[in-house]
Amino acid sequence: MINEYRNAIRDLINKNIQQGMLNSLIVWDVKSDEAQDPTLLSLRIYGSRNHTDVIQVACGVSGIWEKLPEKRIAVPLISDVLRLRREFLD
C-alpha cells in the first residue's frame, strides 16, 4: 500500500501544478541544511518529522539516505496528506 500512497501524493502534486492550483500546495525552497535531513524539512513544513515520505516524493528521491536537491518543491497541504494516509495506510 505504501507505493499506492506515494503514487497518490505524486499524482496530487502533479495535478495541482498542471491545473495552476498552487494555493492547494505548499511551495518551499529547500535549503542546504534541509537537503541533508528530510526529517528536518518535514518538521519545518508540517510541524512533524513523520512526513518524510511526502518530502521524498516531492523531491524525487528514493530514500532518506539520498541528499535532497536544493531547489523549489511543492508539497500537498497537511489536510490532503492526512486524508491520503487514512485512505491508503490505515
N, C-alpha and C. Protein backbone atom coordinates (compact mmCIF):
# COMPACT_ATOMS: atom_id res chain seq x y z
N MET A 1 0.81 -1.20 0.00
CA MET A 1 0.00 0.00 0.00
C MET A 1 0.86 1.27 0.00
N ILE A 2 2.08 1.16 0.48
CA ILE A 2 2.93 2.35 0.55
C ILE A 2 3.21 2.92 -0.84
N ASN A 3 3.37 2.05 -1.83
CA ASN A 3 3.61 2.54 -3.17
C ASN A 3 2.40 3.26 -3.72
N GLU A 4 1.21 2.74 -3.45
CA GLU A 4 -0.01 3.41 -3.89
C GLU A 4 -0.14 4.79 -3.22
N TYR A 5 0.21 4.84 -1.94
CA TYR A 5 0.17 6.10 -1.20
C TYR A 5 1.13 7.12 -1.83
N ARG A 6 2.35 6.71 -2.08
CA ARG A 6 3.32 7.62 -2.68
C ARG A 6 2.90 8.04 -4.08
N ASN A 7 2.33 7.13 -4.85
CA ASN A 7 1.83 7.49 -6.17
C ASN A 7 0.69 8.50 -6.07
N ALA A 8 -0.18 8.34 -5.08
CA ALA A 8 -1.28 9.28 -4.88
C ALA A 8 -0.75 10.67 -4.51
N ILE A 9 0.29 10.72 -3.70
CA ILE A 9 0.92 12.00 -3.35
C ILE A 9 1.47 12.66 -4.61
N ARG A 10 2.21 11.89 -5.40
CA ARG A 10 2.81 12.40 -6.64
C ARG A 10 1.72 12.89 -7.60
N ASP A 11 0.66 12.10 -7.75
CA ASP A 11 -0.43 12.47 -8.65
C ASP A 11 -1.11 13.76 -8.19
N LEU A 12 -1.31 13.90 -6.89
CA LEU A 12 -1.94 15.11 -6.35
C LEU A 12 -1.07 16.34 -6.61
N ILE A 13 0.22 16.23 -6.37
CA ILE A 13 1.13 17.34 -6.63
C ILE A 13 1.09 17.72 -8.11
N ASN A 14 1.24 16.72 -8.98
CA ASN A 14 1.26 16.98 -10.42
C ASN A 14 -0.05 17.58 -10.91
N LYS A 15 -1.17 17.05 -10.43
CA LYS A 15 -2.48 17.57 -10.84
C LYS A 15 -2.65 19.03 -10.46
N ASN A 16 -2.29 19.36 -9.22
CA ASN A 16 -2.43 20.74 -8.76
C ASN A 16 -1.52 21.69 -9.52
N ILE A 17 -0.31 21.25 -9.84
CA ILE A 17 0.61 22.09 -10.61
C ILE A 17 0.07 22.29 -12.03
N GLN A 18 -0.37 21.21 -12.66
CA GLN A 18 -0.88 21.31 -14.03
C GLN A 18 -2.12 22.19 -14.13
N GLN A 19 -2.95 22.17 -13.09
CA GLN A 19 -4.16 22.97 -13.09
C GLN A 19 -3.92 24.39 -12.55
N GLY A 20 -2.67 24.68 -12.21
CA GLY A 20 -2.33 26.00 -11.69
C GLY A 20 -2.91 26.29 -10.32
N MET A 21 -3.17 25.25 -9.55
CA MET A 21 -3.78 25.40 -8.22
C MET A 21 -2.70 25.40 -7.14
N LEU A 22 -1.77 26.34 -7.24
CA LEU A 22 -0.67 26.39 -6.28
C LEU A 22 -1.15 26.74 -4.87
N ASN A 23 -2.35 27.32 -4.75
CA ASN A 23 -2.88 27.60 -3.42
C ASN A 23 -3.28 26.32 -2.69
N SER A 24 -3.32 25.20 -3.40
CA SER A 24 -3.60 23.90 -2.79
C SER A 24 -2.31 23.14 -2.46
N LEU A 25 -1.18 23.83 -2.58
CA LEU A 25 0.13 23.23 -2.29
C LEU A 25 0.94 24.17 -1.41
N ILE A 26 1.94 23.62 -0.78
CA ILE A 26 2.93 24.43 -0.07
C ILE A 26 4.17 24.45 -0.94
N VAL A 27 4.59 25.64 -1.34
CA VAL A 27 5.78 25.79 -2.17
C VAL A 27 6.93 26.17 -1.24
N TRP A 28 8.05 25.48 -1.40
CA TRP A 28 9.16 25.62 -0.44
C TRP A 28 10.49 25.56 -1.18
N ASP A 29 11.41 26.42 -0.81
CA ASP A 29 12.78 26.37 -1.32
C ASP A 29 13.62 25.56 -0.33
N VAL A 30 14.12 24.42 -0.78
CA VAL A 30 14.91 23.54 0.07
C VAL A 30 16.28 24.17 0.31
N LYS A 31 16.62 24.35 1.58
CA LYS A 31 17.90 24.95 1.97
C LYS A 31 18.94 23.85 2.19
N SER A 32 20.20 24.23 2.29
CA SER A 32 21.28 23.24 2.37
C SER A 32 21.17 22.36 3.62
N ASP A 33 20.77 22.92 4.77
CA ASP A 33 20.64 22.08 5.96
C ASP A 33 19.48 21.09 5.82
N GLU A 34 18.42 21.50 5.15
CA GLU A 34 17.27 20.63 4.93
C GLU A 34 17.60 19.53 3.92
N ALA A 35 18.47 19.84 2.96
CA ALA A 35 18.84 18.86 1.94
C ALA A 35 19.55 17.66 2.55
N GLN A 36 20.17 17.85 3.69
CA GLN A 36 20.89 16.77 4.37
C GLN A 36 19.97 15.91 5.24
N ASP A 37 18.78 16.43 5.56
CA ASP A 37 17.92 15.76 6.54
C ASP A 37 16.45 15.95 6.17
N PRO A 38 15.84 14.97 5.49
CA PRO A 38 14.43 15.11 5.12
C PRO A 38 13.49 15.22 6.32
N THR A 39 13.92 14.69 7.48
CA THR A 39 13.06 14.83 8.66
C THR A 39 13.00 16.29 9.11
N LEU A 40 14.09 17.03 8.93
CA LEU A 40 14.10 18.45 9.27
C LEU A 40 13.16 19.22 8.34
N LEU A 41 13.18 18.90 7.07
CA LEU A 41 12.29 19.57 6.12
C LEU A 41 10.84 19.25 6.44
N SER A 42 10.54 18.01 6.78
CA SER A 42 9.19 17.63 7.19
C SER A 42 8.76 18.42 8.42
N LEU A 43 9.67 18.57 9.38
CA LEU A 43 9.37 19.33 10.59
C LEU A 43 9.07 20.79 10.28
N ARG A 44 9.85 21.39 9.42
CA ARG A 44 9.65 22.80 9.09
C ARG A 44 8.36 23.04 8.30
N ILE A 45 8.03 22.12 7.42
CA ILE A 45 6.83 22.31 6.60
C ILE A 45 5.57 21.91 7.35
N TYR A 46 5.59 20.74 7.97
CA TYR A 46 4.39 20.18 8.58
C TYR A 46 4.35 20.23 10.10
N GLY A 47 5.46 20.62 10.74
CA GLY A 47 5.49 20.64 12.20
C GLY A 47 5.69 19.27 12.81
N SER A 48 6.09 18.29 11.99
CA SER A 48 6.29 16.92 12.43
C SER A 48 7.35 16.26 11.56
N ARG A 49 8.14 15.40 12.13
CA ARG A 49 9.16 14.68 11.37
C ARG A 49 8.58 13.42 10.69
N ASN A 50 7.28 13.21 10.79
CA ASN A 50 6.66 11.97 10.33
C ASN A 50 6.30 11.93 8.86
N HIS A 51 6.55 12.99 8.10
CA HIS A 51 6.09 13.03 6.72
C HIS A 51 7.25 13.05 5.72
N THR A 52 8.30 12.30 6.03
CA THR A 52 9.45 12.25 5.12
C THR A 52 9.09 11.59 3.79
N ASP A 53 8.11 10.70 3.80
CA ASP A 53 7.69 10.08 2.55
C ASP A 53 7.16 11.11 1.56
N VAL A 54 6.42 12.08 2.05
CA VAL A 54 5.91 13.16 1.20
C VAL A 54 7.06 14.00 0.66
N ILE A 55 8.01 14.29 1.52
CA ILE A 55 9.19 15.09 1.13
C ILE A 55 9.97 14.36 0.05
N GLN A 56 10.18 13.06 0.22
CA GLN A 56 10.93 12.27 -0.76
C GLN A 56 10.24 12.29 -2.12
N VAL A 57 8.94 12.12 -2.13
CA VAL A 57 8.18 12.14 -3.39
C VAL A 57 8.31 13.51 -4.05
N ALA A 58 8.13 14.56 -3.27
CA ALA A 58 8.18 15.92 -3.83
C ALA A 58 9.57 16.25 -4.38
N CYS A 59 10.60 15.69 -3.76
CA CYS A 59 11.97 15.97 -4.19
C CYS A 59 12.47 14.98 -5.25
N GLY A 60 11.73 13.91 -5.46
CA GLY A 60 12.13 12.93 -6.47
C GLY A 60 13.27 12.04 -6.05
N VAL A 61 13.36 11.73 -4.76
CA VAL A 61 14.40 10.82 -4.28
C VAL A 61 13.76 9.53 -3.81
N SER A 62 14.57 8.49 -3.73
CA SER A 62 14.06 7.16 -3.41
C SER A 62 14.07 6.82 -1.92
N GLY A 63 14.94 7.45 -1.15
CA GLY A 63 15.03 7.12 0.26
C GLY A 63 15.65 8.24 1.07
N ILE A 64 15.57 8.09 2.39
CA ILE A 64 16.08 9.15 3.26
C ILE A 64 17.60 9.24 3.25
N TRP A 65 18.26 8.23 2.70
CA TRP A 65 19.72 8.25 2.61
C TRP A 65 20.20 9.16 1.49
N GLU A 66 19.32 9.54 0.56
CA GLU A 66 19.72 10.41 -0.55
C GLU A 66 19.64 11.88 -0.15
N LYS A 67 20.59 12.64 -0.62
CA LYS A 67 20.57 14.09 -0.40
C LYS A 67 19.45 14.68 -1.24
N LEU A 68 18.69 15.59 -0.64
CA LEU A 68 17.61 16.25 -1.36
C LEU A 68 18.19 17.35 -2.24
N PRO A 69 17.58 17.59 -3.40
CA PRO A 69 18.06 18.68 -4.25
C PRO A 69 17.69 20.03 -3.62
N GLU A 70 18.61 20.96 -3.70
CA GLU A 70 18.35 22.32 -3.19
C GLU A 70 17.64 23.09 -4.29
N LYS A 71 16.32 22.96 -4.29
CA LYS A 71 15.50 23.59 -5.32
C LYS A 71 14.13 23.87 -4.73
N ARG A 72 13.29 24.51 -5.51
CA ARG A 72 11.91 24.79 -5.10
C ARG A 72 11.07 23.52 -5.32
N ILE A 73 10.32 23.16 -4.29
CA ILE A 73 9.43 22.00 -4.38
C ILE A 73 8.02 22.43 -4.01
N ALA A 74 7.07 21.55 -4.32
CA ALA A 74 5.69 21.75 -3.91
C ALA A 74 5.23 20.47 -3.22
N VAL A 75 4.59 20.64 -2.07
CA VAL A 75 4.06 19.51 -1.31
C VAL A 75 2.59 19.78 -1.02
N PRO A 76 1.81 18.71 -0.82
CA PRO A 76 0.39 18.90 -0.51
C PRO A 76 0.20 19.53 0.87
N LEU A 77 -0.96 20.13 1.05
CA LEU A 77 -1.35 20.63 2.36
C LEU A 77 -1.49 19.45 3.32
N ILE A 78 -1.30 19.71 4.61
CA ILE A 78 -1.35 18.64 5.61
C ILE A 78 -2.71 17.93 5.59
N SER A 79 -3.78 18.64 5.33
CA SER A 79 -5.10 18.01 5.29
C SER A 79 -5.16 16.95 4.19
N ASP A 80 -4.55 17.23 3.04
CA ASP A 80 -4.52 16.26 1.95
C ASP A 80 -3.62 15.08 2.28
N VAL A 81 -2.49 15.35 2.93
CA VAL A 81 -1.58 14.28 3.33
C VAL A 81 -2.28 13.33 4.30
N LEU A 82 -2.96 13.88 5.29
CA LEU A 82 -3.64 13.04 6.28
C LEU A 82 -4.78 12.25 5.64
N ARG A 83 -5.51 12.86 4.72
CA ARG A 83 -6.58 12.16 4.02
C ARG A 83 -6.03 10.97 3.23
N LEU A 84 -4.94 11.19 2.50
CA LEU A 84 -4.34 10.12 1.72
C LEU A 84 -3.76 9.02 2.60
N ARG A 85 -3.18 9.41 3.74
CA ARG A 85 -2.66 8.41 4.68
C ARG A 85 -3.79 7.50 5.18
N ARG A 86 -4.92 8.12 5.53
CA ARG A 86 -6.07 7.33 6.00
C ARG A 86 -6.56 6.40 4.89
N GLU A 87 -6.60 6.92 3.69
CA GLU A 87 -7.12 6.14 2.56
C GLU A 87 -6.23 4.96 2.21
N PHE A 88 -4.91 5.15 2.24
CA PHE A 88 -4.01 4.12 1.75
C PHE A 88 -3.27 3.34 2.82
N LEU A 89 -3.10 3.92 4.01
CA LEU A 89 -2.24 3.26 5.01
C LEU A 89 -2.98 2.77 6.25
N ASP A 90 -4.18 3.21 6.47
CA ASP A 90 -4.91 2.75 7.68
C ASP A 90 -5.74 1.53 7.40
